[in-house]
Amino acid sequence: MAPLILIADDEVDLVKTLEYNLQREGFQTQSVP
């Protein structure tokens, strides 16, 4: 099971970039507005 990382930021582009890169490295991500 991959570690889960919570991303909380109001910059949508930053959140999408972080999610993409972290998921490519094998992490699960969850974002909140």
PDB file of N, CA and C in Angstrom:
ATOM      1  N   MET A   1       0.849  -1.188   0.000  1.00  0.00           N
ATOM      2  CA  MET A   1       0.000   0.000   0.000  1.00  0.00           C
ATOM      3  C   MET A   1       0.890   1.245   0.000  1.00  0.00           C
ATOM      4  N   ALA A   2       0.603   2.152  -0.910  1.00  0.00           N
ATOM      5  CA  ALA A   2       1.393   3.372  -1.044  1.00  0.00           C
ATOM      6  C   ALA A   2       1.009   4.379   0.039  1.00  0.00           C
ATOM      7  N   PRO A   3       1.980   5.167   0.506  1.00  0.00           N
ATOM      8  CA  PRO A   3       1.674   6.223   1.469  1.00  0.00           C
ATOM      9  C   PRO A   3       0.688   7.230   0.867  1.00  0.00           C
ATOM     10  N   LEU A   4      -0.171   7.775   1.715  1.00  0.00           N
ATOM     11  CA  LEU A   4      -1.165   8.761   1.287  1.00  0.00           C
ATOM     12  C   LEU A   4      -0.694  10.148   1.697  1.00  0.00           C
ATOM     13  N   ILE A   5      -0.717  11.080   0.755  1.00  0.00           N
ATOM     14  CA  ILE A   5      -0.308  12.459   1.009  1.00  0.00           C
ATOM     15  C   ILE A   5      -1.504  13.366   0.779  1.00  0.00           C
ATOM     16  N   LEU A   6      -1.789  14.217   1.759  1.00  0.00           N
ATOM     17  CA  LEU A   6      -2.870  15.194   1.660  1.00  0.00           C
ATOM     18  C   LEU A   6      -2.293  16.502   1.140  1.00  0.00           C
ATOM     19  N   ILE A   7      -2.899  17.030   0.086  1.00  0.00           N
ATOM     20  CA  ILE A   7      -2.470  18.298  -0.503  1.00  0.00           C
ATOM     21  C   ILE A   7      -3.574  19.317  -0.274  1.00  0.00           C
ATOM     22  N   ALA A   8      -3.249  20.390   0.434  1.00  0.00           N
ATOM     23  CA  ALA A   8      -4.223  21.442   0.721  1.00  0.00           C
ATOM     24  C   ALA A   8      -3.644  22.781   0.269  1.00  0.00           C
ATOM     25  N   ASP A   9      -4.201  23.323  -0.800  1.00  0.00           N
ATOM     26  CA  ASP A   9      -3.738  24.604  -1.320  1.00  0.00           C
ATOM     27  C   ASP A   9      -4.838  25.186  -2.192  1.00  0.00           C
ATOM     28  N   ASP A  10      -4.855  26.495  -2.334  1.00  0.00           N
ATOM     29  CA  ASP A  10      -5.890  27.127  -3.147  1.00  0.00           C
ATOM     30  C   ASP A  10      -5.431  27.380  -4.586  1.00  0.00           C
ATOM     31  N   GLU A  11      -4.191  27.036  -4.904  1.00  0.00           N
ATOM     32  CA  GLU A  11      -3.678  27.167  -6.267  1.00  0.00           C
ATOM     33  C   GLU A  11      -3.917  25.858  -7.019  1.00  0.00           C
ATOM     34  N   VAL A  12      -4.933  25.832  -7.866  1.00  0.00           N
ATOM     35  CA  VAL A  12      -5.345  24.608  -8.551  1.00  0.00           C
ATOM     36  C   VAL A  12      -4.205  24.028  -9.394  1.00  0.00           C
ATOM     37  N   ASP A  13      -3.482  24.870 -10.111  1.00  0.00           N
ATOM     38  CA  ASP A  13      -2.389  24.380 -10.956  1.00  0.00           C
ATOM     39  C   ASP A  13      -1.292  23.723 -10.123  1.00  0.00           C
ATOM     40  N   LEU A  14      -0.974  24.292  -8.985  1.00  0.00           N
ATOM     41  CA  LEU A  14       0.036  23.718  -8.096  1.00  0.00           C
ATOM     42  C   LEU A  14      -0.414  22.361  -7.574  1.00  0.00           C
ATOM     43  N   VAL A  15      -1.664  22.264  -7.169  1.00  0.00           N
ATOM     44  CA  VAL A  15      -2.207  21.006  -6.651  1.00  0.00           C
ATOM     45  C   VAL A  15      -2.147  19.927  -7.729  1.00  0.00           C
ATOM     46  N   LYS A  16      -2.544  20.256  -8.943  1.00  0.00           N
ATOM     47  CA  LYS A  16      -2.521  19.277 -10.036  1.00  0.00           C
ATOM     48  C   LYS A  16      -1.094  18.822 -10.338  1.00  0.00           C
ATOM     49  N   THR A  17      -0.156  19.756 -10.320  1.00  0.00           N
ATOM     50  CA  THR A  17       1.243  19.413 -10.572  1.00  0.00           C
ATOM     51  C   THR A  17       1.790  18.506  -9.480  1.00  0.00           C
ATOM     52  N   LEU A  18       1.506  18.844  -8.231  1.00  0.00           N
ATOM     53  CA  LEU A  18       1.957  18.007  -7.118  1.00  0.00           C
ATOM     54  C   LEU A  18       1.349  16.615  -7.192  1.00  0.00           C
ATOM     55  N   GLU A  19       0.047  16.547  -7.456  1.00  0.00           N
ATOM     56  CA  GLU A  19      -0.624  15.246  -7.568  1.00  0.00           C
ATOM     57  C   GLU A  19       0.016  14.401  -8.664  1.00  0.00           C
ATOM     58  N   TYR A  20       0.232  14.991  -9.807  1.00  0.00           N
ATOM     59  CA  TYR A  20       0.808  14.262 -10.941  1.00  0.00           C
ATOM     60  C   TYR A  20       2.186  13.705 -10.584  1.00  0.00           C
ATOM     61  N   ASN A  21       3.047  14.567 -10.068  1.00  0.00           N
ATOM     62  CA  ASN A  21       4.414  14.139  -9.770  1.00  0.00           C
ATOM     63  C   ASN A  21       4.465  13.123  -8.637  1.00  0.00           C
ATOM     64  N   LEU A  22       3.678  13.317  -7.601  1.00  0.00           N
ATOM     65  CA  LEU A  22       3.678  12.376  -6.482  1.00  0.00           C
ATOM     66  C   LEU A  22       3.119  11.021  -6.900  1.00  0.00           C
ATOM     67  N   GLN A  23       2.078  11.019  -7.704  1.00  0.00           N
ATOM     68  CA  GLN A  23       1.503   9.756  -8.168  1.00  0.00           C
ATOM     69  C   GLN A  23       2.481   9.014  -9.075  1.00  0.00           C
ATOM     70  N   ARG A  24       3.244   9.726  -9.863  1.00  0.00           N
ATOM     71  CA  ARG A  24       4.271   9.086 -10.709  1.00  0.00           C
ATOM     72  C   ARG A  24       5.344   8.418  -9.864  1.00  0.00           C
ATOM     73  N   GLU A  25       5.580   8.956  -8.662  1.00  0.00           N
ATOM     74  CA  GLU A  25       6.583   8.385  -7.761  1.00  0.00           C
ATOM     75  C   GLU A  25       6.011   7.279  -6.881  1.00  0.00           C
ATOM     76  N   GLY A  26       4.713   6.985  -7.040  1.00  0.00           N
ATOM     77  CA  GLY A  26       4.120   5.862  -6.327  1.00  0.00           C
ATOM     78  C   GLY A  26       3.309   6.212  -5.093  1.00  0.00           C
ATOM     79  N   PHE A  27       3.081   7.491  -4.852  1.00  0.00           N
ATOM     80  CA  PHE A  27       2.280   7.914  -3.708  1.00  0.00           C
ATOM     81  C   PHE A  27       0.814   8.015  -4.096  1.00  0.00           C
ATOM     82  N   GLN A  28      -0.065   7.826  -3.133  1.00  0.00           N
ATOM     83  CA  GLN A  28      -1.477   8.138  -3.315  1.00  0.00           C
ATOM     84  C   GLN A  28      -1.654   9.578  -2.851  1.00  0.00           C
ATOM     85  N   THR A  29      -2.524  10.320  -3.507  1.00  0.00           N
ATOM     86  CA  THR A  29      -2.758  11.703  -3.099  1.00  0.00           C
ATOM     87  C   THR A  29      -4.243  11.958  -2.910  1.00  0.00           C
ATOM     88  N   GLN A  30      -4.530  12.883  -2.024  1.00  0.00           N
ATOM     89  CA  GLN A  30      -5.891  13.378  -1.804  1.00  0.00           C
ATOM     90  C   GLN A  30      -5.765  14.888  -1.699  1.00  0.00           C
ATOM     91  N   SER A  31      -6.586  15.615  -2.428  1.00  0.00           N
ATOM     92  CA  SER A  31      -6.515  17.071  -2.365  1.00  0.00           C
ATOM     93  C   SER A  31      -7.817  17.643  -1.823  1.00  0.00           C
ATOM     94  N   VAL A  32      -7.677  18.767  -1.152  1.00  0.00           N
ATOM     95  CA  VAL A  32      -8.831  19.490  -0.613  1.00  0.00           C
ATOM     96  C   VAL A  32      -8.688  20.956  -0.997  1.00  0.00           C
ATOM     97  N   PRO A  33      -9.806  21.621  -1.236  1.00  0.00           N
ATOM     98  CA  PRO A  33      -9.746  23.041  -1.623  1.00  0.00           C
ATOM     99  C   PRO A  33      -9.309  23.942  -0.485  1.00  0.00           C
TER     100      PRO A  33
END
